[in-house]
Amino acid sequence: MKTFYGVTLLCFFVGMLIVCFYAPWTSTSGGSPGAHSSLGFAPVWSTQFLGVPGAHIDVGSMGILAVVVAFFSIVIGGSAYFFRSKRTGGKDLME
């Protein structure tokens, strides 16, 4: 299980780092707090959209991206655990 947790956490960390570099930004339309306009992608700490009034990181999209990163991290970690070179226990089905 050490392989599973190590690979999963590494993939999650790298994936979230990539998401932080390409975070979705949005702005609120004037007069309506519910309507949003997508501005593009920029790092979380960026001042690229500083001149746009009401510009902020789209929290909903960041949450969806975090869930996608977590899912693929678990899949990659499970694959690494399943295809590891030293398997302990269990019989070989071909014998």
PDB file of N, CA and C in Angstrom:
ATOM      1  N   MET A   1       0.822  -1.201   0.000  1.00  0.00           N
ATOM      2  CA  MET A   1       0.000   0.000   0.000  1.00  0.00           C
ATOM      3  C   MET A   1       0.862   1.259   0.000  1.00  0.00           C
ATOM      4  N   LYS A   2       2.119   1.122   0.383  1.00  0.00           N
ATOM      5  CA  LYS A   2       3.017   2.269   0.390  1.00  0.00           C
ATOM      6  C   LYS A   2       3.167   2.837  -1.025  1.00  0.00           C
ATOM      7  N   THR A   3       3.232   1.957  -2.009  1.00  0.00           N
ATOM      8  CA  THR A   3       3.336   2.388  -3.404  1.00  0.00           C
ATOM      9  C   THR A   3       2.088   3.158  -3.820  1.00  0.00           C
ATOM     10  N   PHE A   4       0.929   2.646  -3.455  1.00  0.00           N
ATOM     11  CA  PHE A   4      -0.334   3.286  -3.814  1.00  0.00           C
ATOM     12  C   PHE A   4      -0.409   4.705  -3.258  1.00  0.00           C
ATOM     13  N   TYR A   5      -0.144   4.854  -1.951  1.00  0.00           N
ATOM     14  CA  TYR A   5      -0.243   6.165  -1.328  1.00  0.00           C
ATOM     15  C   TYR A   5       0.818   7.127  -1.852  1.00  0.00           C
ATOM     16  N   GLY A   6       2.027   6.651  -2.028  1.00  0.00           N
ATOM     17  CA  GLY A   6       3.105   7.511  -2.507  1.00  0.00           C
ATOM     18  C   GLY A   6       2.853   8.036  -3.908  1.00  0.00           C
ATOM     19  N   VAL A   7       2.472   7.154  -4.817  1.00  0.00           N
ATOM     20  CA  VAL A   7       2.214   7.562  -6.204  1.00  0.00           C
ATOM     21  C   VAL A   7       0.972   8.444  -6.274  1.00  0.00           C
ATOM     22  N   THR A   8      -0.057   8.111  -5.524  1.00  0.00           N
ATOM     23  CA  THR A   8      -1.286   8.899  -5.539  1.00  0.00           C
ATOM     24  C   THR A   8      -1.031  10.317  -5.032  1.00  0.00           C
ATOM     25  N   LEU A   9      -0.332  10.442  -3.923  1.00  0.00           N
ATOM     26  CA  LEU A   9      -0.056  11.772  -3.381  1.00  0.00           C
ATOM     27  C   LEU A   9       0.864  12.576  -4.295  1.00  0.00           C
ATOM     28  N   LEU A  10       1.841  11.937  -4.897  1.00  0.00           N
ATOM     29  CA  LEU A  10       2.724  12.635  -5.820  1.00  0.00           C
ATOM     30  C   LEU A  10       1.938  13.142  -7.034  1.00  0.00           C
ATOM     31  N   CYS A  11       1.108  12.292  -7.608  1.00  0.00           N
ATOM     32  CA  CYS A  11       0.298  12.699  -8.763  1.00  0.00           C
ATOM     33  C   CYS A  11      -0.677  13.804  -8.396  1.00  0.00           C
ATOM     34  N   PHE A  12      -1.264  13.725  -7.208  1.00  0.00           N
ATOM     35  CA  PHE A  12      -2.198  14.763  -6.773  1.00  0.00           C
ATOM     36  C   PHE A  12      -1.475  16.096  -6.588  1.00  0.00           C
ATOM     37  N   PHE A  13      -0.294  16.055  -5.970  1.00  0.00           N
ATOM     38  CA  PHE A  13       0.474  17.279  -5.754  1.00  0.00           C
ATOM     39  C   PHE A  13       0.876  17.924  -7.078  1.00  0.00           C
ATOM     40  N   VAL A  14       1.384  17.134  -8.010  1.00  0.00           N
ATOM     41  CA  VAL A  14       1.785  17.657  -9.318  1.00  0.00           C
ATOM     42  C   VAL A  14       0.564  18.184 -10.075  1.00  0.00           C
ATOM     43  N   GLY A  15      -0.545  17.464 -10.023  1.00  0.00           N
ATOM     44  CA  GLY A  15      -1.765  17.895 -10.706  1.00  0.00           C
ATOM     45  C   GLY A  15      -2.310  19.200 -10.150  1.00  0.00           C
ATOM     46  N   MET A  16      -2.317  19.346  -8.831  1.00  0.00           N
ATOM     47  CA  MET A  16      -2.805  20.584  -8.235  1.00  0.00           C
ATOM     48  C   MET A  16      -1.861  21.744  -8.511  1.00  0.00           C
ATOM     49  N   LEU A  17      -0.577  21.463  -8.616  1.00  0.00           N
ATOM     50  CA  LEU A  17       0.382  22.502  -8.988  1.00  0.00           C
ATOM     51  C   LEU A  17       0.095  22.998 -10.403  1.00  0.00           C
ATOM     52  N   ILE A  18      -0.197  22.074 -11.304  1.00  0.00           N
ATOM     53  CA  ILE A  18      -0.548  22.452 -12.683  1.00  0.00           C
ATOM     54  C   ILE A  18      -1.854  23.244 -12.707  1.00  0.00           C
ATOM     55  N   VAL A  19      -2.837  22.824 -11.919  1.00  0.00           N
ATOM     56  CA  VAL A  19      -4.116  23.536 -11.860  1.00  0.00           C
ATOM     57  C   VAL A  19      -3.910  24.954 -11.317  1.00  0.00           C
ATOM     58  N   CYS A  20      -3.015  25.118 -10.349  1.00  0.00           N
ATOM     59  CA  CYS A  20      -2.757  26.459  -9.807  1.00  0.00           C
ATOM     60  C   CYS A  20      -2.080  27.364 -10.836  1.00  0.00           C
ATOM     61  N   PHE A  21      -1.320  26.786 -11.760  1.00  0.00           N
ATOM     62  CA  PHE A  21      -0.693  27.580 -12.808  1.00  0.00           C
ATOM     63  C   PHE A  21      -1.690  27.938 -13.917  1.00  0.00           C
ATOM     64  N   TYR A  22      -2.748  27.169 -14.085  1.00  0.00           N
ATOM     65  CA  TYR A  22      -3.758  27.416 -15.116  1.00  0.00           C
ATOM     66  C   TYR A  22      -5.143  27.481 -14.489  1.00  0.00           C
ATOM     67  N   ALA A  23      -5.306  28.384 -13.537  1.00  0.00           N
ATOM     68  CA  ALA A  23      -6.580  28.533 -12.835  1.00  0.00           C
ATOM     69  C   ALA A  23      -7.574  29.305 -13.695  1.00  0.00           C
ATOM     70  N   PRO A  24      -8.834  28.891 -13.686  1.00  0.00           N
ATOM     71  CA  PRO A  24      -9.850  29.625 -14.456  1.00  0.00           C
ATOM     72  C   PRO A  24     -10.256  30.918 -13.733  1.00  0.00           C
ATOM     73  N   TRP A  25     -10.277  32.013 -14.459  1.00  0.00           N
ATOM     74  CA  TRP A  25     -10.668  33.310 -13.914  1.00  0.00           C
ATOM     75  C   TRP A  25     -11.998  33.729 -14.523  1.00  0.00           C
ATOM     76  N   THR A  26     -12.786  34.445 -13.741  1.00  0.00           N
ATOM     77  CA  THR A  26     -14.091  34.906 -14.190  1.00  0.00           C
ATOM     78  C   THR A  26     -14.333  36.312 -13.657  1.00  0.00           C
ATOM     79  N   SER A  27     -15.270  36.993 -14.238  1.00  0.00           N
ATOM     80  CA  SER A  27     -15.662  38.310 -13.722  1.00  0.00           C
ATOM     81  C   SER A  27     -17.175  38.345 -13.591  1.00  0.00           C
ATOM     82  N   THR A  28     -17.634  39.170 -12.664  1.00  0.00           N
ATOM     83  CA  THR A  28     -19.065  39.339 -12.459  1.00  0.00           C
ATOM     84  C   THR A  28     -19.562  40.453 -13.364  1.00  0.00           C
ATOM     85  N   SER A  29     -20.636  40.179 -14.082  1.00  0.00           N
ATOM     86  CA  SER A  29     -21.222  41.206 -14.944  1.00  0.00           C
ATOM     87  C   SER A  29     -21.806  42.322 -14.090  1.00  0.00           C
ATOM     88  N   GLY A  30     -21.801  43.507 -14.615  1.00  0.00           N
ATOM     89  CA  GLY A  30     -22.328  44.645 -13.859  1.00  0.00           C
ATOM     90  C   GLY A  30     -23.806  44.504 -13.566  1.00  0.00           C
ATOM     91  N   GLY A  31     -24.170  44.632 -12.310  1.00  0.00           N
ATOM     92  CA  GLY A  31     -25.570  44.618 -11.919  1.00  0.00           C
ATOM     93  C   GLY A  31     -26.130  43.249 -11.582  1.00  0.00           C
ATOM     94  N   SER A  32     -25.515  42.175 -12.016  1.00  0.00           N
ATOM     95  CA  SER A  32     -26.044  40.834 -11.750  1.00  0.00           C
ATOM     96  C   SER A  32     -24.970  39.989 -11.071  1.00  0.00           C
ATOM     97  N   PRO A  33     -25.155  39.647  -9.795  1.00  0.00           N
ATOM     98  CA  PRO A  33     -24.139  38.846  -9.103  1.00  0.00           C
ATOM     99  C   PRO A  33     -24.128  37.384  -9.546  1.00  0.00           C
ATOM    100  N   GLY A  34     -25.171  36.932 -10.245  1.00  0.00           N
ATOM    101  CA  GLY A  34     -25.239  35.535 -10.661  1.00  0.00           C
ATOM    102  C   GLY A  34     -24.577  35.249 -11.990  1.00  0.00           C
ATOM    103  N   ALA A  35     -24.534  36.242 -12.867  1.00  0.00           N
ATOM    104  CA  ALA A  35     -23.962  36.030 -14.198  1.00  0.00           C
ATOM    105  C   ALA A  35     -22.450  36.232 -14.159  1.00  0.00           C
ATOM    106  N   HIS A  36     -21.731  35.322 -14.796  1.00  0.00           N
ATOM    107  CA  HIS A  36     -20.272  35.406 -14.826  1.00  0.00           C
ATOM    108  C   HIS A  36     -19.787  35.328 -16.262  1.00  0.00           C
ATOM    109  N   SER A  37     -18.699  36.023 -16.525  1.00  0.00           N
ATOM    110  CA  SER A  37     -18.045  35.962 -17.824  1.00  0.00           C
ATOM    111  C   SER A  37     -16.670  35.340 -17.627  1.00  0.00           C
ATOM    112  N   SER A  38     -16.370  34.331 -18.421  1.00  0.00           N
ATOM    113  CA  SER A  38     -15.070  33.691 -18.319  1.00  0.00           C
ATOM    114  C   SER A  38     -14.013  34.591 -18.941  1.00  0.00           C
ATOM    115  N   LEU A  39     -12.924  34.794 -18.204  1.00  0.00           N
ATOM    116  CA  LEU A  39     -11.842  35.650 -18.682  1.00  0.00           C
ATOM    117  C   LEU A  39     -10.711  34.851 -19.315  1.00  0.00           C
ATOM    118  N   GLY A  40     -10.470  33.675 -18.817  1.00  0.00           N
ATOM    119  CA  GLY A  40      -9.379  32.850 -19.325  1.00  0.00           C
ATOM    120  C   GLY A  40      -8.675  32.128 -18.197  1.00  0.00           C
ATOM    121  N   PHE A  41      -7.470  31.679 -18.484  1.00  0.00           N
ATOM    122  CA  PHE A  41      -6.694  30.928 -17.512  1.00  0.00           C
ATOM    123  C   PHE A  41      -5.411  31.686 -17.193  1.00  0.00           C
ATOM    124  N   ALA A  42      -5.082  31.754 -15.916  1.00  0.00           N
ATOM    125  CA  ALA A  42      -3.865  32.412 -15.456  1.00  0.00           C
ATOM    126  C   ALA A  42      -3.499  31.823 -14.099  1.00  0.00           C
ATOM    127  N   PRO A  43      -2.258  31.982 -13.659  1.00  0.00           N
ATOM    128  CA  PRO A  43      -1.882  31.481 -12.332  1.00  0.00           C
ATOM    129  C   PRO A  43      -2.721  32.123 -11.227  1.00  0.00           C
ATOM    130  N   VAL A  44      -2.822  31.429 -10.110  1.00  0.00           N
ATOM    131  CA  VAL A  44      -3.624  31.902  -8.987  1.00  0.00           C
ATOM    132  C   VAL A  44      -3.108  33.250  -8.490  1.00  0.00           C
ATOM    133  N   TRP A  45      -1.816  33.442  -8.461  1.00  0.00           N
ATOM    134  CA  TRP A  45      -1.198  34.650  -7.923  1.00  0.00           C
ATOM    135  C   TRP A  45      -1.026  35.741  -8.986  1.00  0.00           C
ATOM    136  N   SER A  46      -1.595  35.555 -10.146  1.00  0.00           N
ATOM    137  CA  SER A  46      -1.402  36.463 -11.273  1.00  0.00           C
ATOM    138  C   SER A  46      -2.117  37.800 -11.074  1.00  0.00           C
ATOM    139  N   THR A  47      -1.554  38.832 -11.680  1.00  0.00           N
ATOM    140  CA  THR A  47      -2.207  40.136 -11.722  1.00  0.00           C
ATOM    141  C   THR A  47      -2.657  40.446 -13.146  1.00  0.00           C
ATOM    142  N   GLN A  48      -2.767  39.425 -13.965  1.00  0.00           N
ATOM    143  CA  GLN A  48      -3.126  39.589 -15.377  1.00  0.00           C
ATOM    144  C   GLN A  48      -4.504  40.215 -15.545  1.00  0.00           C
ATOM    145  N   PHE A  49      -5.458  39.833 -14.720  1.00  0.00           N
ATOM    146  CA  PHE A  49      -6.823  40.330 -14.844  1.00  0.00           C
ATOM    147  C   PHE A  49      -7.131  41.375 -13.771  1.00  0.00           C
ATOM    148  N   LEU A  50      -6.101  42.054 -13.275  1.00  0.00           N
ATOM    149  CA  LEU A  50      -6.271  43.038 -12.218  1.00  0.00           C
ATOM    150  C   LEU A  50      -7.103  44.237 -12.687  1.00  0.00           C
ATOM    151  N   GLY A  51      -6.995  44.591 -13.954  1.00  0.00           N
ATOM    152  CA  GLY A  51      -7.730  45.727 -14.483  1.00  0.00           C
ATOM    153  C   GLY A  51      -9.195  45.458 -14.744  1.00  0.00           C
ATOM    154  N   VAL A  52      -9.615  44.202 -14.730  1.00  0.00           N
ATOM    155  CA  VAL A  52     -11.016  43.856 -14.993  1.00  0.00           C
ATOM    156  C   VAL A  52     -11.787  43.952 -13.678  1.00  0.00           C
ATOM    157  N   PRO A  53     -12.849  44.768 -13.643  1.00  0.00           N
ATOM    158  CA  PRO A  53     -13.611  44.890 -12.389  1.00  0.00           C
ATOM    159  C   PRO A  53     -14.312  43.575 -12.021  1.00  0.00           C
ATOM    160  N   GLY A  54     -14.180  43.185 -10.778  1.00  0.00           N
ATOM    161  CA  GLY A  54     -14.826  41.980 -10.270  1.00  0.00           C
ATOM    162  C   GLY A  54     -14.147  40.682 -10.673  1.00  0.00           C
ATOM    163  N   ALA A  55     -12.918  40.758 -11.164  1.00  0.00           N
ATOM    164  CA  ALA A  55     -12.209  39.541 -11.592  1.00  0.00           C
ATOM    165  C   ALA A  55     -11.773  38.738 -10.381  1.00  0.00           C
ATOM    166  N   HIS A  56     -12.036  37.445 -10.440  1.00  0.00           N
ATOM    167  CA  HIS A  56     -11.625  36.536  -9.372  1.00  0.00           C
ATOM    168  C   HIS A  56     -11.519  35.117  -9.939  1.00  0.00           C
ATOM    169  N   ILE A  57     -10.944  34.240  -9.149  1.00  0.00           N
ATOM    170  CA  ILE A  57     -10.804  32.843  -9.562  1.00  0.00           C
ATOM    171  C   ILE A  57     -12.170  32.175  -9.476  1.00  0.00           C
ATOM    172  N   ASP A  58     -12.510  31.408 -10.484  1.00  0.00           N
ATOM    173  CA  ASP A  58     -13.781  30.686 -10.519  1.00  0.00           C
ATOM    174  C   ASP A  58     -13.669  29.477  -9.598  1.00  0.00           C
ATOM    175  N   VAL A  59     -14.265  29.583  -8.427  1.00  0.00           N
ATOM    176  CA  VAL A  59     -14.146  28.545  -7.400  1.00  0.00           C
ATOM    177  C   VAL A  59     -14.802  27.240  -7.838  1.00  0.00           C
ATOM    178  N   GLY A  60     -15.922  27.317  -8.516  1.00  0.00           N
ATOM    179  CA  GLY A  60     -16.604  26.110  -8.983  1.00  0.00           C
ATOM    180  C   GLY A  60     -15.767  25.319  -9.969  1.00  0.00           C
ATOM    181  N   SER A  61     -15.164  26.025 -10.909  1.00  0.00           N
ATOM    182  CA  SER A  61     -14.300  25.350 -11.882  1.00  0.00           C
ATOM    183  C   SER A  61     -13.055  24.787 -11.230  1.00  0.00           C
ATOM    184  N   MET A  62     -12.507  25.513 -10.259  1.00  0.00           N
ATOM    185  CA  MET A  62     -11.337  24.996  -9.534  1.00  0.00           C
ATOM    186  C   MET A  62     -11.703  23.722  -8.774  1.00  0.00           C
ATOM    187  N   GLY A  63     -12.897  23.690  -8.199  1.00  0.00           N
ATOM    188  CA  GLY A  63     -13.343  22.490  -7.490  1.00  0.00           C
ATOM    189  C   GLY A  63     -13.489  21.304  -8.418  1.00  0.00           C
ATOM    190  N   ILE A  64     -14.064  21.549  -9.592  1.00  0.00           N
ATOM    191  CA  ILE A  64     -14.215  20.472 -10.577  1.00  0.00           C
ATOM    192  C   ILE A  64     -12.846  19.967 -11.025  1.00  0.00           C
ATOM    193  N   LEU A  65     -11.923  20.882 -11.291  1.00  0.00           N
ATOM    194  CA  LEU A  65     -10.571  20.478 -11.692  1.00  0.00           C
ATOM    195  C   LEU A  65      -9.862  19.706 -10.584  1.00  0.00           C
ATOM    196  N   ALA A  66     -10.082  20.096  -9.327  1.00  0.00           N
ATOM    197  CA  ALA A  66      -9.475  19.374  -8.206  1.00  0.00           C
ATOM    198  C   ALA A  66     -10.023  17.945  -8.108  1.00  0.00           C
ATOM    199  N   VAL A  67     -11.320  17.777  -8.347  1.00  0.00           N
ATOM    200  CA  VAL A  67     -11.921  16.435  -8.320  1.00  0.00           C
ATOM    201  C   VAL A  67     -11.369  15.582  -9.465  1.00  0.00           C
ATOM    202  N   VAL A  68     -11.211  16.172 -10.637  1.00  0.00           N
ATOM    203  CA  VAL A  68     -10.652  15.444 -11.781  1.00  0.00           C
ATOM    204  C   VAL A  68      -9.209  15.023 -11.485  1.00  0.00           C
ATOM    205  N   VAL A  69      -8.433  15.935 -10.908  1.00  0.00           N
ATOM    206  CA  VAL A  69      -7.043  15.609 -10.548  1.00  0.00           C
ATOM    207  C   VAL A  69      -7.018  14.489  -9.509  1.00  0.00           C
ATOM    208  N   ALA A  70      -7.889  14.556  -8.510  1.00  0.00           N
ATOM    209  CA  ALA A  70      -7.938  13.504  -7.483  1.00  0.00           C
ATOM    210  C   ALA A  70      -8.317  12.153  -8.096  1.00  0.00           C
ATOM    211  N   PHE A  71      -9.282  12.146  -9.004  1.00  0.00           N
ATOM    212  CA  PHE A  71      -9.700  10.897  -9.640  1.00  0.00           C
ATOM    213  C   PHE A  71      -8.549  10.259 -10.407  1.00  0.00           C
ATOM    214  N   PHE A  72      -7.887  11.054 -11.256  1.00  0.00           N
ATOM    215  CA  PHE A  72      -6.793  10.493 -12.038  1.00  0.00           C
ATOM    216  C   PHE A  72      -5.597  10.119 -11.167  1.00  0.00           C
ATOM    217  N   SER A  73      -5.393  10.823 -10.065  1.00  0.00           N
ATOM    218  CA  SER A  73      -4.323  10.446  -9.132  1.00  0.00           C
ATOM    219  C   SER A  73      -4.595   9.080  -8.520  1.00  0.00           C
ATOM    220  N   ILE A  74      -5.842   8.838  -8.160  1.00  0.00           N
ATOM    221  CA  ILE A  74      -6.203   7.539  -7.584  1.00  0.00           C
ATOM    222  C   ILE A  74      -6.062   6.433  -8.627  1.00  0.00           C
ATOM    223  N   VAL A  75      -6.478   6.705  -9.862  1.00  0.00           N
ATOM    224  CA  VAL A  75      -6.358   5.709 -10.931  1.00  0.00           C
ATOM    225  C   VAL A  75      -4.882   5.395 -11.209  1.00  0.00           C
ATOM    226  N   ILE A  76      -4.055   6.419 -11.287  1.00  0.00           N
ATOM    227  CA  ILE A  76      -2.626   6.197 -11.536  1.00  0.00           C
ATOM    228  C   ILE A  76      -1.972   5.498 -10.355  1.00  0.00           C
ATOM    229  N   GLY A  77      -2.342   5.879  -9.134  1.00  0.00           N
ATOM    230  CA  GLY A  77      -1.811   5.201  -7.946  1.00  0.00           C
ATOM    231  C   GLY A  77      -2.236   3.746  -7.886  1.00  0.00           C
ATOM    232  N   GLY A  78      -3.488   3.468  -8.233  1.00  0.00           N
ATOM    233  CA  GLY A  78      -3.958   2.079  -8.265  1.00  0.00           C
ATOM    234  C   GLY A  78      -3.254   1.265  -9.329  1.00  0.00           C
ATOM    235  N   SER A  79      -2.996   1.879 -10.471  1.00  0.00           N
ATOM    236  CA  SER A  79      -2.262   1.184 -11.536  1.00  0.00           C
ATOM    237  C   SER A  79      -0.832   0.895 -11.108  1.00  0.00           C
ATOM    238  N   ALA A  80      -0.211   1.849 -10.453  1.00  0.00           N
ATOM    239  CA  ALA A  80       1.164   1.640  -9.970  1.00  0.00           C
ATOM    240  C   ALA A  80       1.201   0.525  -8.929  1.00  0.00           C
ATOM    241  N   TYR A  81       0.180   0.472  -8.078  1.00  0.00           N
ATOM    242  CA  TYR A  81       0.131  -0.585  -7.065  1.00  0.00           C
ATOM    243  C   TYR A  81      -0.115  -1.945  -7.712  1.00  0.00           C
ATOM    244  N   PHE A  82      -0.991  -2.000  -8.698  1.00  0.00           N
ATOM    245  CA  PHE A  82      -1.320  -3.268  -9.339  1.00  0.00           C
ATOM    246  C   PHE A  82      -0.165  -3.794 -10.177  1.00  0.00           C
ATOM    247  N   PHE A  83       0.548  -2.926 -10.856  1.00  0.00           N
ATOM    248  CA  PHE A  83       1.621  -3.351 -11.747  1.00  0.00           C
ATOM    249  C   PHE A  83       3.012  -3.225 -11.122  1.00  0.00           C
ATOM    250  N   ARG A  84       3.091  -3.192  -9.790  1.00  0.00           N
ATOM    251  CA  ARG A  84       4.398  -3.120  -9.146  1.00  0.00           C
ATOM    252  C   ARG A  84       5.164  -4.408  -9.394  1.00  0.00           C
ATOM    253  N   SER A  85       6.481  -4.358  -9.288  1.00  0.00           N
ATOM    254  CA  SER A  85       7.306  -5.509  -9.650  1.00  0.00           C
ATOM    255  C   SER A  85       7.266  -6.612  -8.595  1.00  0.00           C
ATOM    256  N   LYS A  86       7.190  -6.267  -7.327  1.00  0.00           N
ATOM    257  CA  LYS A  86       7.178  -7.279  -6.266  1.00  0.00           C
ATOM    258  C   LYS A  86       5.761  -7.439  -5.730  1.00  0.00           C
ATOM    259  N   ARG A  87       5.133  -8.507  -6.116  1.00  0.00           N
ATOM    260  CA  ARG A  87       3.808  -8.801  -5.594  1.00  0.00           C
ATOM    261  C   ARG A  87       3.946  -9.845  -4.510  1.00  0.00           C
ATOM    262  N   THR A  88       3.311  -9.597  -3.400  1.00  0.00           N
ATOM    263  CA  THR A  88       3.382 -10.532  -2.279  1.00  0.00           C
ATOM    264  C   THR A  88       2.020 -11.168  -2.085  1.00  0.00           C
ATOM    265  N   GLY A  89       2.031 -12.412  -1.728  1.00  0.00           N
ATOM    266  CA  GLY A  89       0.789 -13.113  -1.441  1.00  0.00           C
ATOM    267  C   GLY A  89       0.029 -13.498  -2.695  1.00  0.00           C
ATOM    268  N   GLY A  90      -0.880 -14.401  -2.529  1.00  0.00           N
ATOM    269  CA  GLY A  90      -1.703 -14.838  -3.657  1.00  0.00           C
ATOM    270  C   GLY A  90      -0.949 -15.787  -4.573  1.00  0.00           C
ATOM    271  N   LYS A  91      -1.710 -16.631  -5.237  1.00  0.00           N
ATOM    272  CA  LYS A  91      -1.115 -17.596  -6.152  1.00  0.00           C
ATOM    273  C   LYS A  91      -1.173 -17.046  -7.566  1.00  0.00           C
ATOM    274  N   ASP A  92      -0.230 -17.513  -8.361  1.00  0.00           N
ATOM    275  CA  ASP A  92      -0.238 -17.136  -9.763  1.00  0.00           C
ATOM    276  C   ASP A  92      -1.325 -17.946 -10.456  1.00  0.00           C
ATOM    277  N   LEU A  93      -2.162 -17.309 -11.205  1.00  0.00           N
ATOM    278  CA  LEU A  93      -3.277 -17.991 -11.845  1.00  0.00           C
ATOM    279  C   LEU A  93      -2.839 -18.916 -12.964  1.00  0.00           C
ATOM    280  N   MET A  94      -1.632 -18.737 -13.489  1.00  0.00           N
ATOM    281  CA  MET A  94      -1.160 -19.552 -14.610  1.00  0.00           C
ATOM    282  C   MET A  94      -0.559 -20.892 -14.148  1.00  0.00           C
ATOM    283  N   GLU A  95      -0.382 -21.070 -12.855  1.00  0.00           N
ATOM    284  CA  GLU A  95       0.216 -22.340 -12.378  1.00  0.00           C
ATOM    285  C   GLU A  95      -0.799 -23.419 -12.211  1.00  0.00           C
TER     286      GLU A  95
END
